[in-house]
Amino acid sequence: MNQKKILLIDDELDILEILSYNLEKEGYDIYTATNGNEGIDKAKEIIPDLILLDVMMPEKDGIETCQELRKVKELQKTLIVFLSARSEEFSQLAGFQAGANDYIVKLIKPKILISKVNALLQLTSQVSDNAKLIEIGDLVIDKDNFRVSKSGQQFLLPKKEFDLLYLLASNTEKVFKREEILEKVWGNDVIVGERTIDVHIRRLREKLGINTIQTLKGIGYKLIV
C-alpha cells in the first residue's frame, strides 16, 4: 500500500510525540522536524503529502517557513496546514496568505484532528490536476464535454465560468489567490477589470448555490464541498 507521508514541524517535543503516535496508528508514515530550517530540508528530501506546521518557532517562524516551502516546485501539491496555539484572525490570515491550505487551533481534540487529516488526504487523492472528470459530493465536472451537474441538474456554463469552477475544484483544500485565478483562467496577456472575478463568482453561486464558493476576504476563493 502506498502510505501517505506526513511531516510534523513543531518545536514542542511533547506535541510531536502525541501527534506522531496518533497519526502512526492511522497508518501514516510520520517524519518530524523541530524548527523551520530543518523542516524545509526534510520536506525537500521526502516530499510529504501533508505538512502540519506550527507558527511560533525559533530560527524561522511558521509563516516564513510556509512561504519558502511554497517556492519549492516539488512541493506544490503538498498540503500545508498550520496547527498553532494562536487563534487571532490576523494570524490565520497571515497563514493563508503564506500559502497554507488550512489553519487549525491546537485546542482541537486529537480524534477530531485525525478525522480532519484523513478527510484532507482522502479528498486530494480523488482529484488530480489533470483529471478529466471531477466528482465532489453531488457536483460533477466533465472537462472533455464542458458539462457540469449538481444534484442531478445539468448546467451549461460559459467558457470562463467553467474554467474558473474547474480550477477551484482541482484542489478543494486550497485557497486560490486572485492573482493565480487571473493568470490561470484569463492569462497574463489579457487585461481584465478588478471586478471580473467577482462577477464570475457571483454567477457561479447563482447557478450552483450561494454556499458553493467561500470568499476569504483579502486572500481569494475556495470551493466548499
Protein backbone atom coordinates (compact mmCIF):
# COMPACT_ATOMS: atom_id res chain seq x y z
CA MET A 1 0.00 0.00 0.00
CA ASN A 2 1.27 3.47 -0.86
CA GLN A 3 1.23 5.10 2.56
CA LYS A 4 0.78 8.84 2.84
CA LYS A 5 3.69 10.79 4.27
CA ILE A 6 3.09 13.48 6.88
CA LEU A 7 5.75 15.91 8.09
CA LEU A 8 5.28 17.50 11.53
CA ILE A 9 7.17 20.74 12.17
CA ASP A 10 6.96 21.96 15.78
CA ASP A 11 9.48 22.97 18.45
CA GLU A 12 7.40 21.36 21.22
CA LEU A 13 8.60 17.78 21.57
CA ASP A 14 5.53 16.65 23.50
CA ILE A 15 3.29 17.85 20.65
CA LEU A 16 5.42 15.95 18.13
CA GLU A 17 5.23 12.82 20.26
CA ILE A 18 1.44 12.95 20.68
CA LEU A 19 0.77 13.70 17.01
CA SER A 20 3.23 11.08 15.80
CA TYR A 21 1.65 8.40 17.99
CA ASN A 22 -1.91 9.12 16.86
CA LEU A 23 -1.10 9.53 13.17
CA GLU A 24 1.09 6.42 13.02
CA LYS A 25 -1.85 4.43 14.45
CA GLU A 26 -3.81 5.58 11.38
CA GLY A 27 -1.17 4.05 9.11
CA TYR A 28 0.67 7.21 8.03
CA ASP A 29 4.44 7.49 7.63
CA ILE A 30 5.46 10.24 10.05
CA TYR A 31 8.51 12.48 9.88
CA THR A 32 9.36 15.29 12.30
CA ALA A 33 11.37 18.48 12.49
CA THR A 34 11.81 20.89 15.41
CA ASN A 35 12.36 24.15 13.51
CA GLY A 36 11.63 25.78 10.17
CA ASN A 37 15.02 25.26 8.55
CA GLU A 38 15.10 21.59 9.46
CA GLY A 39 11.51 21.25 8.26
CA ILE A 40 12.29 22.75 4.85
CA ASP A 41 15.26 20.42 4.36
CA LYS A 42 13.22 17.39 5.43
CA ALA A 43 10.31 18.36 3.16
CA LYS A 44 12.63 18.63 0.13
CA GLU A 45 14.03 15.20 0.97
CA ILE A 46 10.80 13.21 1.48
CA ILE A 47 8.18 15.27 -0.49
CA PRO A 48 5.35 14.72 2.02
CA ASP A 49 1.65 14.61 1.17
CA LEU A 50 0.83 16.81 4.17
CA ILE A 51 2.76 19.17 6.43
CA LEU A 52 1.43 20.13 9.86
CA LEU A 53 3.23 23.32 10.78
CA ASP A 54 3.46 25.41 13.97
CA VAL A 55 3.54 29.22 13.76
CA MET A 56 5.77 30.21 16.69
CA MET A 57 9.16 28.52 16.35
CA PRO A 58 12.82 29.53 16.85
CA GLU A 59 15.19 30.33 13.97
CA LYS A 60 12.42 30.60 11.37
CA ASP A 61 8.74 31.03 12.23
CA GLY A 62 5.95 29.06 10.56
CA ILE A 63 4.83 31.86 8.26
CA GLU A 64 8.28 32.31 6.73
CA THR A 65 8.72 28.54 6.59
CA CYS A 66 5.45 28.15 4.69
CA GLN A 67 6.42 30.86 2.22
CA GLU A 68 9.71 29.11 1.47
CA LEU A 69 8.03 25.71 1.15
CA ARG A 70 5.63 27.12 -1.44
CA LYS A 71 8.58 28.21 -3.57
CA VAL A 72 9.75 24.60 -3.96
CA LYS A 73 8.37 23.21 -7.23
CA GLU A 74 8.24 19.61 -5.97
CA LEU A 75 6.06 20.68 -3.02
CA GLN A 76 3.36 22.49 -4.99
CA LYS A 77 0.85 19.68 -4.42
CA THR A 78 1.77 19.16 -0.76
CA LEU A 79 -0.95 20.23 1.66
CA ILE A 80 0.27 22.67 4.32
CA VAL A 81 -1.86 23.05 7.43
CA PHE A 82 -1.00 25.32 10.33
CA LEU A 83 -1.52 23.79 13.77
CA SER A 84 -0.98 26.66 16.18
CA ALA A 85 -1.95 27.91 19.62
CA ARG A 86 -2.52 31.34 18.09
CA SER A 87 -6.18 31.81 17.26
CA GLU A 88 -6.21 35.50 16.34
CA GLU A 89 -7.75 36.37 12.99
CA PHE A 90 -4.64 38.19 11.77
CA SER A 91 -2.53 35.07 12.45
CA GLN A 92 -4.91 32.91 10.42
CA LEU A 93 -4.98 35.43 7.57
CA ALA A 94 -1.18 35.54 7.56
CA GLY A 95 -1.15 31.75 7.34
CA PHE A 96 -3.44 31.64 4.32
CA GLN A 97 -1.54 34.47 2.64
CA ALA A 98 1.69 32.49 3.11
CA GLY A 99 0.16 29.64 1.11
CA ALA A 100 -1.43 27.36 3.72
CA ASN A 101 -4.39 25.16 2.83
CA ASP A 102 -5.90 25.32 6.29
CA TYR A 103 -5.34 26.68 9.81
CA ILE A 104 -6.22 24.65 12.92
CA VAL A 105 -6.03 25.86 16.51
CA LYS A 106 -4.10 23.50 18.81
CA LEU A 107 -7.01 23.22 21.25
CA ILE A 108 -8.65 20.81 18.80
CA LYS A 109 -9.20 17.30 20.20
CA PRO A 110 -6.87 14.61 18.79
CA LYS A 111 -9.70 12.48 17.37
CA ILE A 112 -11.14 15.49 15.51
CA LEU A 113 -7.70 16.42 14.19
CA ILE A 114 -7.15 12.87 12.93
CA SER A 115 -10.56 12.91 11.22
CA LYS A 116 -9.70 16.20 9.54
CA VAL A 117 -6.33 14.89 8.35
CA ASN A 118 -7.99 11.74 6.99
CA ALA A 119 -10.57 13.81 5.12
CA LEU A 120 -7.96 16.18 3.67
CA LEU A 121 -5.76 13.40 2.32
CA GLN A 122 -8.64 11.27 1.08
CA LEU A 123 -10.19 14.15 -0.82
CA THR A 124 -6.98 15.25 -2.52
CA SER A 125 -6.22 11.68 -3.59
CA GLN A 126 -9.51 11.60 -5.51
CA VAL A 127 -8.80 14.69 -7.60
CA SER A 128 -5.72 15.36 -9.74
CA ASP A 129 -4.81 18.47 -11.69
CA ASN A 130 -5.26 16.60 -14.98
CA ALA A 131 -8.50 14.83 -14.07
CA LYS A 132 -10.97 14.67 -16.95
CA LEU A 133 -13.88 14.01 -14.63
CA ILE A 134 -14.11 15.53 -11.15
CA GLU A 135 -16.75 14.29 -8.73
CA ILE A 136 -17.06 16.11 -5.41
CA GLY A 137 -20.17 15.26 -3.45
CA ASP A 138 -23.12 15.93 -5.74
CA LEU A 139 -21.04 18.16 -8.03
CA VAL A 140 -19.74 16.58 -11.25
CA ILE A 141 -17.46 18.39 -13.70
CA ASP A 142 -16.76 16.80 -17.09
CA LYS A 143 -13.77 18.58 -18.61
CA ASP A 144 -13.89 16.89 -22.01
CA ASN A 145 -17.52 17.82 -22.68
CA PHE A 146 -17.64 21.07 -20.69
CA ARG A 147 -20.57 19.76 -18.66
CA VAL A 148 -21.43 20.49 -15.05
CA SER A 149 -24.14 18.91 -12.94
CA LYS A 150 -25.15 19.37 -9.33
CA SER A 151 -27.71 17.18 -7.57
CA GLY A 152 -28.59 15.76 -10.97
CA GLN A 153 -29.31 19.16 -12.55
CA GLN A 154 -27.30 19.97 -15.67
CA PHE A 155 -25.68 23.37 -16.21
CA LEU A 156 -24.23 24.80 -19.41
CA LEU A 157 -21.59 27.30 -18.32
CA PRO A 158 -19.80 29.90 -20.41
CA LYS A 159 -16.13 29.02 -21.01
CA LYS A 160 -14.61 31.29 -18.36
CA GLU A 161 -17.14 30.27 -15.70
CA PHE A 162 -16.37 26.62 -16.44
CA ASP A 163 -12.60 27.22 -16.32
CA LEU A 164 -12.92 29.08 -13.02
CA LEU A 165 -15.05 26.33 -11.46
CA TYR A 166 -12.70 23.60 -12.74
CA LEU A 167 -9.71 25.42 -11.24
CA LEU A 168 -11.36 25.70 -7.82
CA ALA A 169 -12.44 22.05 -7.98
CA SER A 170 -8.93 20.85 -8.88
CA ASN A 171 -7.90 21.35 -5.25
CA THR A 172 -10.74 21.86 -2.80
CA GLU A 173 -8.34 22.28 0.13
CA LYS A 174 -6.59 25.22 -1.47
CA VAL A 175 -7.46 28.89 -1.24
CA PHE A 176 -6.86 30.27 -4.74
CA LYS A 177 -5.50 33.80 -4.69
CA ARG A 178 -6.96 36.33 -7.12
CA GLU A 179 -3.64 36.70 -8.93
CA GLU A 180 -3.44 32.96 -9.58
CA ILE A 181 -7.04 32.83 -10.81
CA LEU A 182 -6.43 35.69 -13.23
CA GLU A 183 -3.28 34.03 -14.54
CA LYS A 184 -4.73 30.52 -14.99
CA VAL A 185 -8.22 31.42 -16.20
CA TRP A 186 -7.67 34.64 -18.16
CA GLY A 187 -3.92 34.52 -18.83
CA ASN A 188 -1.23 37.14 -18.41
CA ASP A 189 -1.80 38.68 -21.81
CA VAL A 190 -5.44 39.56 -21.19
CA ILE A 191 -6.36 42.77 -19.37
CA VAL A 192 -9.50 42.41 -17.26
CA GLY A 193 -11.16 44.66 -14.71
CA GLU A 194 -10.79 44.21 -10.97
CA ARG A 195 -14.38 43.04 -10.61
CA THR A 196 -14.18 40.38 -13.32
CA ILE A 197 -13.53 37.53 -10.88
CA ASP A 198 -16.24 38.77 -8.51
CA VAL A 199 -18.80 38.81 -11.30
CA HIS A 200 -17.96 35.26 -12.38
CA ILE A 201 -18.02 34.01 -8.79
CA ARG A 202 -21.43 35.62 -8.28
CA ARG A 203 -22.80 33.94 -11.41
CA LEU A 204 -21.49 30.53 -10.31
CA ARG A 205 -23.10 30.99 -6.90
CA GLU A 206 -26.41 31.90 -8.52
CA LYS A 207 -26.34 28.67 -10.51
CA LEU A 208 -24.74 26.21 -8.08
CA GLY A 209 -25.76 27.64 -4.70
CA ILE A 210 -24.67 30.58 -2.59
CA ASN A 211 -22.55 28.41 -0.26
CA THR A 212 -20.66 26.58 -3.01
CA ILE A 213 -17.75 29.05 -3.08
CA GLN A 214 -16.22 30.64 0.00
CA THR A 215 -14.64 34.09 -0.07
CA LEU A 216 -11.63 34.71 2.18
CA LYS A 217 -11.53 38.48 2.29
CA GLY A 218 -8.28 39.92 1.02
CA ILE A 219 -6.97 36.47 0.00
CA GLY A 220 -9.06 34.63 -2.55
CA TYR A 221 -11.65 31.89 -3.08
CA LYS A 222 -12.18 28.25 -2.12
CA LEU A 223 -14.66 25.63 -3.26
CA ILE A 224 -16.74 24.24 -0.40
CA VAL A 225 -17.72 20.57 -0.52
